[in-house]
Amino acid sequence: MTRRERALVRPHVVTEGRAHPTRNTLDVATVVLATWAPVVGLSPEKRRVIQLCRGGALAVAEVAAHLGLPTSVTKVLLSDLLDSGHIEARAAVREADVPDHQLLQKVLDGLRALT
């Protein structure tokens, strides 16, 4: 078996032969957080994801980088963990959704003026 063939086998094994996640809601910026569900019976890769996410919220791209796996493979693992209740996913906050700093400062100044 060549090096390239070995590289292709591992993702196939990690995803149990599946090429697509059960959910199509994950993108590279989606943030995932671990729940406190028991990790008994999970594959080593899935346990590693839980361990990573218990350290704090991570984007899908960050999880993939930590695991050294392609993003597509990581999405399959994450969707399995979402389905089993081991992780939660949240859409990343877009810059447009972040309140304007000047507006927040005006609100704070107004509240201070009331006291």
PDB file of N, CA and C in Angstrom:
ATOM      1  N   MET A   1       0.851  -1.180   0.000  1.00  0.00           N
ATOM      2  CA  MET A   1       0.000   0.000   0.000  1.00  0.00           C
ATOM      3  C   MET A   1       0.894   1.239   0.000  1.00  0.00           C
ATOM      4  N   THR A   2       0.599   2.191  -0.860  1.00  0.00           N
ATOM      5  CA  THR A   2       1.398   3.415  -0.942  1.00  0.00           C
ATOM      6  C   THR A   2       0.995   4.371   0.168  1.00  0.00           C
ATOM      7  N   ARG A   3       1.827   5.393   0.337  1.00  0.00           N
ATOM      8  CA  ARG A   3       1.551   6.393   1.367  1.00  0.00           C
ATOM      9  C   ARG A   3       0.223   7.095   1.114  1.00  0.00           C
ATOM     10  N   ARG A   4      -0.044   7.405  -0.166  1.00  0.00           N
ATOM     11  CA  ARG A   4      -1.306   8.069  -0.517  1.00  0.00           C
ATOM     12  C   ARG A   4      -2.491   7.159  -0.203  1.00  0.00           C
ATOM     13  N   GLU A   5      -2.380   5.890  -0.503  1.00  0.00           N
ATOM     14  CA  GLU A   5      -3.469   4.951  -0.211  1.00  0.00           C
ATOM     15  C   GLU A   5      -3.726   4.861   1.295  1.00  0.00           C
ATOM     16  N   ARG A   6      -2.648   4.837   2.098  1.00  0.00           N
ATOM     17  CA  ARG A   6      -2.816   4.805   3.556  1.00  0.00           C
ATOM     18  C   ARG A   6      -3.499   6.072   4.041  1.00  0.00           C
ATOM     19  N   ALA A   7      -3.155   7.217   3.444  1.00  0.00           N
ATOM     20  CA  ALA A   7      -3.759   8.494   3.845  1.00  0.00           C
ATOM     21  C   ALA A   7      -5.265   8.505   3.550  1.00  0.00           C
ATOM     22  N   LEU A   8      -5.684   7.813   2.502  1.00  0.00           N
ATOM     23  CA  LEU A   8      -7.100   7.765   2.154  1.00  0.00           C
ATOM     24  C   LEU A   8      -7.872   6.771   3.016  1.00  0.00           C
ATOM     25  N   VAL A   9      -7.215   5.739   3.493  1.00  0.00           N
ATOM     26  CA  VAL A   9      -7.889   4.722   4.293  1.00  0.00           C
ATOM     27  C   VAL A   9      -8.306   5.277   5.642  1.00  0.00           C
ATOM     28  N   ARG A  10      -7.450   6.045   6.309  1.00  0.00           N
ATOM     29  CA  ARG A  10      -7.751   6.510   7.659  1.00  0.00           C
ATOM     30  C   ARG A  10      -9.049   7.325   7.726  1.00  0.00           C
ATOM     31  N   PRO A  11      -9.248   8.336   6.879  1.00  0.00           N
ATOM     32  CA  PRO A  11     -10.529   9.063   6.953  1.00  0.00           C
ATOM     33  C   PRO A  11     -11.719   8.138   6.720  1.00  0.00           C
ATOM     34  N   HIS A  12     -11.567   7.169   5.845  1.00  0.00           N
ATOM     35  CA  HIS A  12     -12.649   6.221   5.570  1.00  0.00           C
ATOM     36  C   HIS A  12     -12.981   5.421   6.830  1.00  0.00           C
ATOM     37  N   VAL A  13     -11.955   5.025   7.564  1.00  0.00           N
ATOM     38  CA  VAL A  13     -12.149   4.264   8.803  1.00  0.00           C
ATOM     39  C   VAL A  13     -12.733   5.159   9.889  1.00  0.00           C
ATOM     40  N   VAL A  14     -12.221   6.371  10.007  1.00  0.00           N
ATOM     41  CA  VAL A  14     -12.674   7.303  11.048  1.00  0.00           C
ATOM     42  C   VAL A  14     -14.163   7.604  10.908  1.00  0.00           C
ATOM     43  N   THR A  15     -14.648   7.715   9.689  1.00  0.00           N
ATOM     44  CA  THR A  15     -16.058   8.052   9.453  1.00  0.00           C
ATOM     45  C   THR A  15     -16.929   6.810   9.261  1.00  0.00           C
ATOM     46  N   GLU A  16     -16.362   5.643   9.500  1.00  0.00           N
ATOM     47  CA  GLU A  16     -17.083   4.376   9.334  1.00  0.00           C
ATOM     48  C   GLU A  16     -17.649   4.247   7.930  1.00  0.00           C
ATOM     49  N   GLY A  17     -16.864   4.710   6.957  1.00  0.00           N
ATOM     50  CA  GLY A  17     -17.225   4.572   5.557  1.00  0.00           C
ATOM     51  C   GLY A  17     -18.154   5.619   4.999  1.00  0.00           C
ATOM     52  N   ARG A  18     -18.569   6.574   5.814  1.00  0.00           N
ATOM     53  CA  ARG A  18     -19.493   7.605   5.344  1.00  0.00           C
ATOM     54  C   ARG A  18     -18.728   8.805   4.805  1.00  0.00           C
ATOM     55  N   ALA A  19     -19.241   9.390   3.750  1.00  0.00           N
ATOM     56  CA  ALA A  19     -18.586  10.543   3.141  1.00  0.00           C
ATOM     57  C   ALA A  19     -19.288  11.857   3.467  1.00  0.00           C
ATOM     58  N   HIS A  20     -20.501  11.767   4.005  1.00  0.00           N
ATOM     59  CA  HIS A  20     -21.280  12.984   4.258  1.00  0.00           C
ATOM     60  C   HIS A  20     -21.824  12.978   5.681  1.00  0.00           C
ATOM     61  N   PRO A  21     -21.859  14.163   6.321  1.00  0.00           N
ATOM     62  CA  PRO A  21     -22.428  14.257   7.673  1.00  0.00           C
ATOM     63  C   PRO A  21     -23.939  14.059   7.642  1.00  0.00           C
ATOM     64  N   THR A  22     -24.499  13.682   8.773  1.00  0.00           N
ATOM     65  CA  THR A  22     -25.948  13.524   8.860  1.00  0.00           C
ATOM     66  C   THR A  22     -26.650  14.881   8.854  1.00  0.00           C
ATOM     67  N   ARG A  23     -25.909  15.931   9.145  1.00  0.00           N
ATOM     68  CA  ARG A  23     -26.459  17.293   9.149  1.00  0.00           C
ATOM     69  C   ARG A  23     -25.643  18.138   8.179  1.00  0.00           C
ATOM     70  N   ASN A  24     -26.320  19.008   7.482  1.00  0.00           N
ATOM     71  CA  ASN A  24     -25.632  19.906   6.561  1.00  0.00           C
ATOM     72  C   ASN A  24     -25.622  21.319   7.123  1.00  0.00           C
ATOM     73  N   THR A  25     -25.537  21.431   8.448  1.00  0.00           N
ATOM     74  CA  THR A  25     -25.633  22.738   9.096  1.00  0.00           C
ATOM     75  C   THR A  25     -24.279  23.234   9.593  1.00  0.00           C
ATOM     76  N   LEU A  26     -23.240  22.447   9.409  1.00  0.00           N
ATOM     77  CA  LEU A  26     -21.923  22.828   9.913  1.00  0.00           C
ATOM     78  C   LEU A  26     -21.086  23.457   8.807  1.00  0.00           C
ATOM     79  N   ASP A  27     -20.531  24.623   9.096  1.00  0.00           N
ATOM     80  CA  ASP A  27     -19.527  25.174   8.193  1.00  0.00           C
ATOM     81  C   ASP A  27     -18.252  25.371   9.008  1.00  0.00           C
ATOM     82  N   VAL A  28     -17.195  25.828   8.382  1.00  0.00           N
ATOM     83  CA  VAL A  28     -15.900  25.913   9.073  1.00  0.00           C
ATOM     84  C   VAL A  28     -15.913  26.892  10.239  1.00  0.00           C
ATOM     85  N   ALA A  29     -16.835  27.836  10.236  1.00  0.00           N
ATOM     86  CA  ALA A  29     -16.883  28.828  11.324  1.00  0.00           C
ATOM     87  C   ALA A  29     -17.873  28.460  12.420  1.00  0.00           C
ATOM     88  N   THR A  30     -18.646  27.381  12.244  1.00  0.00           N
ATOM     89  CA  THR A  30     -19.587  26.955  13.279  1.00  0.00           C
ATOM     90  C   THR A  30     -18.814  26.633  14.556  1.00  0.00           C
ATOM     91  N   VAL A  31     -19.331  27.083  15.679  1.00  0.00           N
ATOM     92  CA  VAL A  31     -18.673  26.879  16.969  1.00  0.00           C
ATOM     93  C   VAL A  31     -19.297  25.671  17.657  1.00  0.00           C
ATOM     94  N   VAL A  32     -18.445  24.775  18.171  1.00  0.00           N
ATOM     95  CA  VAL A  32     -18.936  23.589  18.861  1.00  0.00           C
ATOM     96  C   VAL A  32     -18.470  23.595  20.312  1.00  0.00           C
ATOM     97  N   LEU A  33     -19.355  23.102  21.187  1.00  0.00           N
ATOM     98  CA  LEU A  33     -19.091  23.023  22.628  1.00  0.00           C
ATOM     99  C   LEU A  33     -19.443  21.617  23.094  1.00  0.00           C
ATOM    100  N   ALA A  34     -18.658  21.075  23.999  1.00  0.00           N
ATOM    101  CA  ALA A  34     -18.946  19.746  24.544  1.00  0.00           C
ATOM    102  C   ALA A  34     -20.002  19.832  25.621  1.00  0.00           C
ATOM    103  N   THR A  35     -20.848  18.810  25.688  1.00  0.00           N
ATOM    104  CA  THR A  35     -21.779  18.651  26.800  1.00  0.00           C
ATOM    105  C   THR A  35     -21.095  17.701  27.782  1.00  0.00           C
ATOM    106  N   TRP A  36     -21.783  17.357  28.821  1.00  0.00           N
ATOM    107  CA  TRP A  36     -21.181  16.450  29.808  1.00  0.00           C
ATOM    108  C   TRP A  36     -21.731  15.041  29.681  1.00  0.00           C
ATOM    109  N   ALA A  37     -22.139  14.667  28.479  1.00  0.00           N
ATOM    110  CA  ALA A  37     -22.612  13.310  28.232  1.00  0.00           C
ATOM    111  C   ALA A  37     -21.436  12.334  28.372  1.00  0.00           C
ATOM    112  N   PRO A  38     -21.684  11.117  28.860  1.00  0.00           N
ATOM    113  CA  PRO A  38     -20.599  10.136  29.004  1.00  0.00           C
ATOM    114  C   PRO A  38     -19.979   9.792  27.654  1.00  0.00           C
ATOM    115  N   VAL A  39     -18.694   9.545  27.651  1.00  0.00           N
ATOM    116  CA  VAL A  39     -17.973   9.261  26.401  1.00  0.00           C
ATOM    117  C   VAL A  39     -17.730   7.769  26.193  1.00  0.00           C
ATOM    118  N   VAL A  40     -18.367   6.937  26.997  1.00  0.00           N
ATOM    119  CA  VAL A  40     -18.210   5.489  26.876  1.00  0.00           C
ATOM    120  C   VAL A  40     -18.690   5.034  25.499  1.00  0.00           C
ATOM    121  N   GLY A  41     -17.897   4.214  24.846  1.00  0.00           N
ATOM    122  CA  GLY A  41     -18.277   3.658  23.552  1.00  0.00           C
ATOM    123  C   GLY A  41     -17.945   4.520  22.355  1.00  0.00           C
ATOM    124  N   LEU A  42     -17.385   5.695  22.569  1.00  0.00           N
ATOM    125  CA  LEU A  42     -17.013   6.559  21.450  1.00  0.00           C
ATOM    126  C   LEU A  42     -15.652   6.156  20.892  1.00  0.00           C
ATOM    127  N   SER A  43     -15.455   6.410  19.617  1.00  0.00           N
ATOM    128  CA  SER A  43     -14.163   6.138  18.983  1.00  0.00           C
ATOM    129  C   SER A  43     -13.105   7.068  19.565  1.00  0.00           C
ATOM    130  N   PRO A  44     -11.831   6.727  19.405  1.00  0.00           N
ATOM    131  CA  PRO A  44     -10.770   7.612  19.920  1.00  0.00           C
ATOM    132  C   PRO A  44     -10.851   9.026  19.339  1.00  0.00           C
ATOM    133  N   GLU A  45     -11.207   9.145  18.072  1.00  0.00           N
ATOM    134  CA  GLU A  45     -11.304  10.467  17.456  1.00  0.00           C
ATOM    135  C   GLU A  45     -12.441  11.280  18.073  1.00  0.00           C
ATOM    136  N   LYS A  46     -13.559  10.620  18.319  1.00  0.00           N
ATOM    137  CA  LYS A  46     -14.694  11.333  18.925  1.00  0.00           C
ATOM    138  C   LYS A  46     -14.391  11.720  20.368  1.00  0.00           C
ATOM    139  N   ARG A  47     -13.695  10.854  21.089  1.00  0.00           N
ATOM    140  CA  ARG A  47     -13.299  11.209  22.457  1.00  0.00           C
ATOM    141  C   ARG A  47     -12.336  12.393  22.431  1.00  0.00           C
ATOM    142  N   ARG A  48     -11.459  12.454  21.439  1.00  0.00           N
ATOM    143  CA  ARG A  48     -10.523  13.576  21.307  1.00  0.00           C
ATOM    144  C   ARG A  48     -11.274  14.875  21.042  1.00  0.00           C
ATOM    145  N   VAL A  49     -12.308  14.814  20.212  1.00  0.00           N
ATOM    146  CA  VAL A  49     -13.131  16.003  19.947  1.00  0.00           C
ATOM    147  C   VAL A  49     -13.750  16.497  21.246  1.00  0.00           C
ATOM    148  N   ILE A  50     -14.318  15.582  22.030  1.00  0.00           N
ATOM    149  CA  ILE A  50     -14.930  15.956  23.304  1.00  0.00           C
ATOM    150  C   ILE A  50     -13.892  16.599  24.211  1.00  0.00           C
ATOM    151  N   GLN A  51     -12.725  15.997  24.285  1.00  0.00           N
ATOM    152  CA  GLN A  51     -11.642  16.538  25.128  1.00  0.00           C
ATOM    153  C   GLN A  51     -11.274  17.952  24.681  1.00  0.00           C
ATOM    154  N   LEU A  52     -11.148  18.148  23.383  1.00  0.00           N
ATOM    155  CA  LEU A  52     -10.816  19.481  22.858  1.00  0.00           C
ATOM    156  C   LEU A  52     -11.897  20.499  23.203  1.00  0.00           C
ATOM    157  N   CYS A  53     -13.156  20.115  23.021  1.00  0.00           N
ATOM    158  CA  CYS A  53     -14.263  21.044  23.208  1.00  0.00           C
ATOM    159  C   CYS A  53     -14.592  21.293  24.679  1.00  0.00           C
ATOM    160  N   ARG A  54     -14.150  20.429  25.556  1.00  0.00           N
ATOM    161  CA  ARG A  54     -14.345  20.703  26.978  1.00  0.00           C
ATOM    162  C   ARG A  54     -13.393  21.780  27.458  1.00  0.00           C
ATOM    163  N   GLY A  55     -12.357  22.056  26.683  1.00  0.00           N
ATOM    164  CA  GLY A  55     -11.434  23.135  27.004  1.00  0.00           C
ATOM    165  C   GLY A  55     -11.972  24.499  26.621  1.00  0.00           C
ATOM    166  N   GLY A  56     -13.073  24.532  25.905  1.00  0.00           N
ATOM    167  CA  GLY A  56     -13.678  25.785  25.450  1.00  0.00           C
ATOM    168  C   GLY A  56     -14.240  25.611  24.059  1.00  0.00           C
ATOM    169  N   ALA A  57     -15.045  26.547  23.641  1.00  0.00           N
ATOM    170  CA  ALA A  57     -15.671  26.478  22.325  1.00  0.00           C
ATOM    171  C   ALA A  57     -14.620  26.585  21.228  1.00  0.00           C
ATOM    172  N   LEU A  58     -14.805  25.776  20.184  1.00  0.00           N
ATOM    173  CA  LEU A  58     -13.897  25.790  19.039  1.00  0.00           C
ATOM    174  C   LEU A  58     -14.708  25.816  17.751  1.00  0.00           C
ATOM    175  N   ALA A  59     -14.136  26.436  16.743  1.00  0.00           N
ATOM    176  CA  ALA A  59     -14.744  26.408  15.419  1.00  0.00           C
ATOM    177  C   ALA A  59     -14.449  25.056  14.772  1.00  0.00           C
ATOM    178  N   VAL A  60     -15.295  24.655  13.841  1.00  0.00           N
ATOM    179  CA  VAL A  60     -15.105  23.396  13.133  1.00  0.00           C
ATOM    180  C   VAL A  60     -13.704  23.328  12.524  1.00  0.00           C
ATOM    181  N   ALA A  61     -13.244  24.419  11.946  1.00  0.00           N
ATOM    182  CA  ALA A  61     -11.910  24.444  11.335  1.00  0.00           C
ATOM    183  C   ALA A  61     -10.817  24.196  12.372  1.00  0.00           C
ATOM    184  N   GLU A  62     -11.000  24.725  13.580  1.00  0.00           N
ATOM    185  CA  GLU A  62     -10.013  24.510  14.642  1.00  0.00           C
ATOM    186  C   GLU A  62      -9.989  23.053  15.086  1.00  0.00           C
ATOM    187  N   VAL A  63     -11.153  22.445  15.198  1.00  0.00           N
ATOM    188  CA  VAL A  63     -11.220  21.035  15.576  1.00  0.00           C
ATOM    189  C   VAL A  63     -10.501  20.195  14.527  1.00  0.00           C
ATOM    190  N   ALA A  64     -10.760  20.473  13.253  1.00  0.00           N
ATOM    191  CA  ALA A  64     -10.109  19.731  12.170  1.00  0.00           C
ATOM    192  C   ALA A  64      -8.596  19.874  12.244  1.00  0.00           C
ATOM    193  N   ALA A  65      -8.127  21.083  12.514  1.00  0.00           N
ATOM    194  CA  ALA A  65      -6.687  21.321  12.604  1.00  0.00           C
ATOM    195  C   ALA A  65      -6.068  20.554  13.773  1.00  0.00           C
ATOM    196  N   HIS A  66      -6.739  20.565  14.932  1.00  0.00           N
ATOM    197  CA  HIS A  66      -6.232  19.837  16.091  1.00  0.00           C
ATOM    198  C   HIS A  66      -6.181  18.336  15.830  1.00  0.00           C
ATOM    199  N   LEU A  67      -7.171  17.818  15.116  1.00  0.00           N
ATOM    200  CA  LEU A  67      -7.223  16.391  14.842  1.00  0.00           C
ATOM    201  C   LEU A  67      -6.307  15.975  13.694  1.00  0.00           C
ATOM    202  N   GLY A  68      -5.923  16.949  12.879  1.00  0.00           N
ATOM    203  CA  GLY A  68      -5.110  16.625  11.705  1.00  0.00           C
ATOM    204  C   GLY A  68      -5.912  15.882  10.645  1.00  0.00           C
ATOM    205  N   LEU A  69      -7.209  16.183  10.596  1.00  0.00           N
ATOM    206  CA  LEU A  69      -8.108  15.534   9.641  1.00  0.00           C
ATOM    207  C   LEU A  69      -8.699  16.567   8.698  1.00  0.00           C
ATOM    208  N   PRO A  70      -9.094  16.143   7.495  1.00  0.00           N
ATOM    209  CA  PRO A  70      -9.778  17.069   6.597  1.00  0.00           C
ATOM    210  C   PRO A  70     -11.075  17.584   7.223  1.00  0.00           C
ATOM    211  N   THR A  71     -11.468  18.770   6.849  1.00  0.00           N
ATOM    212  CA  THR A  71     -12.682  19.375   7.379  1.00  0.00           C
ATOM    213  C   THR A  71     -13.900  18.504   7.095  1.00  0.00           C
ATOM    214  N   SER A  72     -13.956  17.896   5.914  1.00  0.00           N
ATOM    215  CA  SER A  72     -15.110  17.060   5.569  1.00  0.00           C
ATOM    216  C   SER A  72     -15.235  15.870   6.516  1.00  0.00           C
ATOM    217  N   VAL A  73     -14.122  15.267   6.882  1.00  0.00           N
ATOM    218  CA  VAL A  73     -14.122  14.142   7.819  1.00  0.00           C
ATOM    219  C   VAL A  73     -14.530  14.625   9.201  1.00  0.00           C
ATOM    220  N   THR A  74     -14.011  15.763   9.602  1.00  0.00           N
ATOM    221  CA  THR A  74     -14.341  16.335  10.906  1.00  0.00           C
ATOM    222  C   THR A  74     -15.830  16.643  11.003  1.00  0.00           C
ATOM    223  N   LYS A  75     -16.428  17.131   9.934  1.00  0.00           N
ATOM    224  CA  LYS A  75     -17.864  17.424   9.939  1.00  0.00           C
ATOM    225  C   LYS A  75     -18.686  16.155  10.153  1.00  0.00           C
ATOM    226  N   VAL A  76     -18.242  15.023   9.605  1.00  0.00           N
ATOM    227  CA  VAL A  76     -18.946  13.754   9.816  1.00  0.00           C
ATOM    228  C   VAL A  76     -18.882  13.383  11.294  1.00  0.00           C
ATOM    229  N   LEU A  77     -17.690  13.494  11.902  1.00  0.00           N
ATOM    230  CA  LEU A  77     -17.535  13.191  13.325  1.00  0.00           C
ATOM    231  C   LEU A  77     -18.403  14.112  14.176  1.00  0.00           C
ATOM    232  N   LEU A  78     -18.352  15.408  13.875  1.00  0.00           N
ATOM    233  CA  LEU A  78     -19.120  16.384  14.654  1.00  0.00           C
ATOM    234  C   LEU A  78     -20.622  16.170  14.520  1.00  0.00           C
ATOM    235  N   SER A  79     -21.087  15.838  13.332  1.00  0.00           N
ATOM    236  CA  SER A  79     -22.527  15.616  13.172  1.00  0.00           C
ATOM    237  C   SER A  79     -22.970  14.382  13.956  1.00  0.00           C
ATOM    238  N   ASP A  80     -22.114  13.351  14.011  1.00  0.00           N
ATOM    239  CA  ASP A  80     -22.426  12.182  14.840  1.00  0.00           C
ATOM    240  C   ASP A  80     -22.531  12.584  16.311  1.00  0.00           C
ATOM    241  N   LEU A  81     -21.594  13.412  16.756  1.00  0.00           N
ATOM    242  CA  LEU A  81     -21.585  13.850  18.156  1.00  0.00           C
ATOM    243  C   LEU A  81     -22.767  14.768  18.471  1.00  0.00           C
ATOM    244  N   LEU A  82     -23.199  15.557  17.499  1.00  0.00           N
ATOM    245  CA  LEU A  82     -24.413  16.368  17.665  1.00  0.00           C
ATOM    246  C   LEU A  82     -25.625  15.458  17.813  1.00  0.00           C
ATOM    247  N   ASP A  83     -25.705  14.450  16.953  1.00  0.00           N
ATOM    248  CA  ASP A  83     -26.835  13.518  16.982  1.00  0.00           C
ATOM    249  C   ASP A  83     -26.915  12.765  18.308  1.00  0.00           C
ATOM    250  N   SER A  84     -25.764  12.443  18.882  1.00  0.00           N
ATOM    251  CA  SER A  84     -25.733  11.677  20.132  1.00  0.00           C
ATOM    252  C   SER A  84     -25.822  12.565  21.374  1.00  0.00           C
ATOM    253  N   GLY A  85     -25.823  13.893  21.179  1.00  0.00           N
ATOM    254  CA  GLY A  85     -25.931  14.818  22.306  1.00  0.00           C
ATOM    255  C   GLY A  85     -24.622  15.088  23.032  1.00  0.00           C
ATOM    256  N   HIS A  86     -23.500  14.728  22.431  1.00  0.00           N
ATOM    257  CA  HIS A  86     -22.198  14.942  23.067  1.00  0.00           C
ATOM    258  C   HIS A  86     -21.658  16.356  22.867  1.00  0.00           C
ATOM    259  N   ILE A  87     -22.133  17.032  21.823  1.00  0.00           N
ATOM    260  CA  ILE A  87     -21.721  18.422  21.592  1.00  0.00           C
ATOM    261  C   ILE A  87     -22.934  19.242  21.190  1.00  0.00           C
ATOM    262  N   GLU A  88     -22.780  20.547  21.295  1.00  0.00           N
ATOM    263  CA  GLU A  88     -23.757  21.516  20.810  1.00  0.00           C
ATOM    264  C   GLU A  88     -23.056  22.375  19.774  1.00  0.00           C
ATOM    265  N   ALA A  89     -23.803  22.879  18.830  1.00  0.00           N
ATOM    266  CA  ALA A  89     -23.223  23.734  17.792  1.00  0.00           C
ATOM    267  C   ALA A  89     -23.967  25.055  17.754  1.00  0.00           C
ATOM    268  N   ARG A  90     -23.211  26.103  17.513  1.00  0.00           N
ATOM    269  CA  ARG A  90     -23.786  27.440  17.393  1.00  0.00           C
ATOM    270  C   ARG A  90     -23.164  28.133  16.197  1.00  0.00           C
ATOM    271  N   ALA A  91     -23.971  28.900  15.516  1.00  0.00           N
ATOM    272  CA  ALA A  91     -23.454  29.671  14.388  1.00  0.00           C
ATOM    273  C   ALA A  91     -22.463  30.695  14.919  1.00  0.00           C
ATOM    274  N   ALA A  92     -21.417  30.907  14.183  1.00  0.00           N
ATOM    275  CA  ALA A  92     -20.425  31.905  14.571  1.00  0.00           C
ATOM    276  C   ALA A  92     -21.058  33.293  14.510  1.00  0.00           C
ATOM    277  N   VAL A  93     -20.604  34.161  15.367  1.00  0.00           N
ATOM    278  CA  VAL A  93     -21.099  35.534  15.374  1.00  0.00           C
ATOM    279  C   VAL A  93     -20.436  36.284  14.221  1.00  0.00           C
ATOM    280  N   ARG A  94     -21.269  36.802  13.351  1.00  0.00           N
ATOM    281  CA  ARG A  94     -20.746  37.573  12.234  1.00  0.00           C
ATOM    282  C   ARG A  94     -20.442  38.987  12.712  1.00  0.00           C
ATOM    283  N   GLU A  95     -19.495  39.625  12.061  1.00  0.00           N
ATOM    284  CA  GLU A  95     -19.113  40.983  12.449  1.00  0.00           C
ATOM    285  C   GLU A  95     -20.307  41.926  12.384  1.00  0.00           C
ATOM    286  N   ALA A  96     -21.208  41.685  11.434  1.00  0.00           N
ATOM    287  CA  ALA A  96     -22.384  42.546  11.300  1.00  0.00           C
ATOM    288  C   ALA A  96     -23.334  42.385  12.493  1.00  0.00           C
ATOM    289  N   ASP A  97     -23.257  41.254  13.187  1.00  0.00           N
ATOM    290  CA  ASP A  97     -24.132  41.015  14.331  1.00  0.00           C
ATOM    291  C   ASP A  97     -23.588  41.601  15.627  1.00  0.00           C
ATOM    292  N   VAL A  98     -22.342  42.036  15.627  1.00  0.00           N
ATOM    293  CA  VAL A  98     -21.727  42.594  16.823  1.00  0.00           C
ATOM    294  C   VAL A  98     -22.164  44.049  16.962  1.00  0.00           C
ATOM    295  N   PRO A  99     -22.647  44.449  18.132  1.00  0.00           N
ATOM    296  CA  PRO A  99     -23.097  45.838  18.302  1.00  0.00           C
ATOM    297  C   PRO A  99     -21.952  46.835  18.082  1.00  0.00           C
ATOM    298  N   ASP A 100     -22.315  47.997  17.620  1.00  0.00           N
ATOM    299  CA  ASP A 100     -21.356  49.064  17.382  1.00  0.00           C
ATOM    300  C   ASP A 100     -20.778  49.541  18.718  1.00  0.00           C
ATOM    301  N   HIS A 101     -19.473  49.640  18.808  1.00  0.00           N
ATOM    302  CA  HIS A 101     -18.799  50.046  20.041  1.00  0.00           C
ATOM    303  C   HIS A 101     -19.233  51.453  20.473  1.00  0.00           C
ATOM    304  N   GLN A 102     -19.356  52.374  19.529  1.00  0.00           N
ATOM    305  CA  GLN A 102     -19.757  53.746  19.876  1.00  0.00           C
ATOM    306  C   GLN A 102     -21.175  53.784  20.441  1.00  0.00           C
ATOM    307  N   LEU A 103     -22.062  52.972  19.895  1.00  0.00           N
ATOM    308  CA  LEU A 103     -23.428  52.916  20.395  1.00  0.00           C
ATOM    309  C   LEU A 103     -23.439  52.386  21.830  1.00  0.00           C
ATOM    310  N   LEU A 104     -22.676  51.342  22.088  1.00  0.00           N
ATOM    311  CA  LEU A 104     -22.601  50.798  23.439  1.00  0.00           C
ATOM    312  C   LEU A 104     -22.026  51.809  24.425  1.00  0.00           C
ATOM    313  N   GLN A 105     -21.063  52.570  23.979  1.00  0.00           N
ATOM    314  CA  GLN A 105     -20.467  53.582  24.850  1.00  0.00           C
ATOM    315  C   GLN A 105     -21.492  54.664  25.188  1.00  0.00           C
ATOM    316  N   LYS A 106     -22.299  55.077  24.201  1.00  0.00           N
ATOM    317  CA  LYS A 106     -23.335  56.072  24.451  1.00  0.00           C
ATOM    318  C   LYS A 106     -24.369  55.556  25.443  1.00  0.00           C
ATOM    319  N   VAL A 107     -24.743  54.285  25.310  1.00  0.00           N
ATOM    320  CA  VAL A 107     -25.698  53.689  26.244  1.00  0.00           C
ATOM    321  C   VAL A 107     -25.104  53.686  27.644  1.00  0.00           C
ATOM    322  N   LEU A 108     -23.844  53.271  27.774  1.00  0.00           N
ATOM    323  CA  LEU A 108     -23.168  53.249  29.068  1.00  0.00           C
ATOM    324  C   LEU A 108     -23.096  54.653  29.655  1.00  0.00           C
ATOM    325  N   ASP A 109     -22.731  55.636  28.848  1.00  0.00           N
ATOM    326  CA  ASP A 109     -22.660  57.019  29.331  1.00  0.00           C
ATOM    327  C   ASP A 109     -24.044  57.503  29.801  1.00  0.00           C
ATOM    328  N   GLY A 110     -25.091  57.128  29.065  1.00  0.00           N
ATOM    329  CA  GLY A 110     -26.450  57.513  29.454  1.00  0.00           C
ATOM    330  C   GLY A 110     -26.863  56.881  30.777  1.00  0.00           C
ATOM    331  N   LEU A 111     -26.494  55.610  30.967  1.00  0.00           N
ATOM    332  CA  LEU A 111     -26.816  54.941  32.225  1.00  0.00           C
ATOM    333  C   LEU A 111     -26.052  55.567  33.399  1.00  0.00           C
ATOM    334  N   ARG A 112     -24.829  55.921  33.171  1.00  0.00           N
ATOM    335  CA  ARG A 112     -24.036  56.559  34.221  1.00  0.00           C
ATOM    336  C   ARG A 112     -24.624  57.919  34.591  1.00  0.00           C
ATOM    337  N   ALA A 113     -25.165  58.623  33.607  1.00  0.00           N
ATOM    338  CA  ALA A 113     -25.737  59.947  33.850  1.00  0.00           C
ATOM    339  C   ALA A 113     -27.003  59.850  34.712  1.00  0.00           C
ATOM    340  N   LEU A 114     -27.693  58.714  34.667  1.00  0.00           N
ATOM    341  CA  LEU A 114     -28.902  58.523  35.457  1.00  0.00           C
ATOM    342  C   LEU A 114     -28.613  58.310  36.932  1.00  0.00           C
ATOM    343  N   THR A 115     -27.411  57.904  37.280  1.00  0.00           N
ATOM    344  CA  THR A 115     -27.105  57.600  38.684  1.00  0.00           C
ATOM    345  C   THR A 115     -26.572  58.798  39.427  1.00  0.00           C
TER     346      THR A 115
END
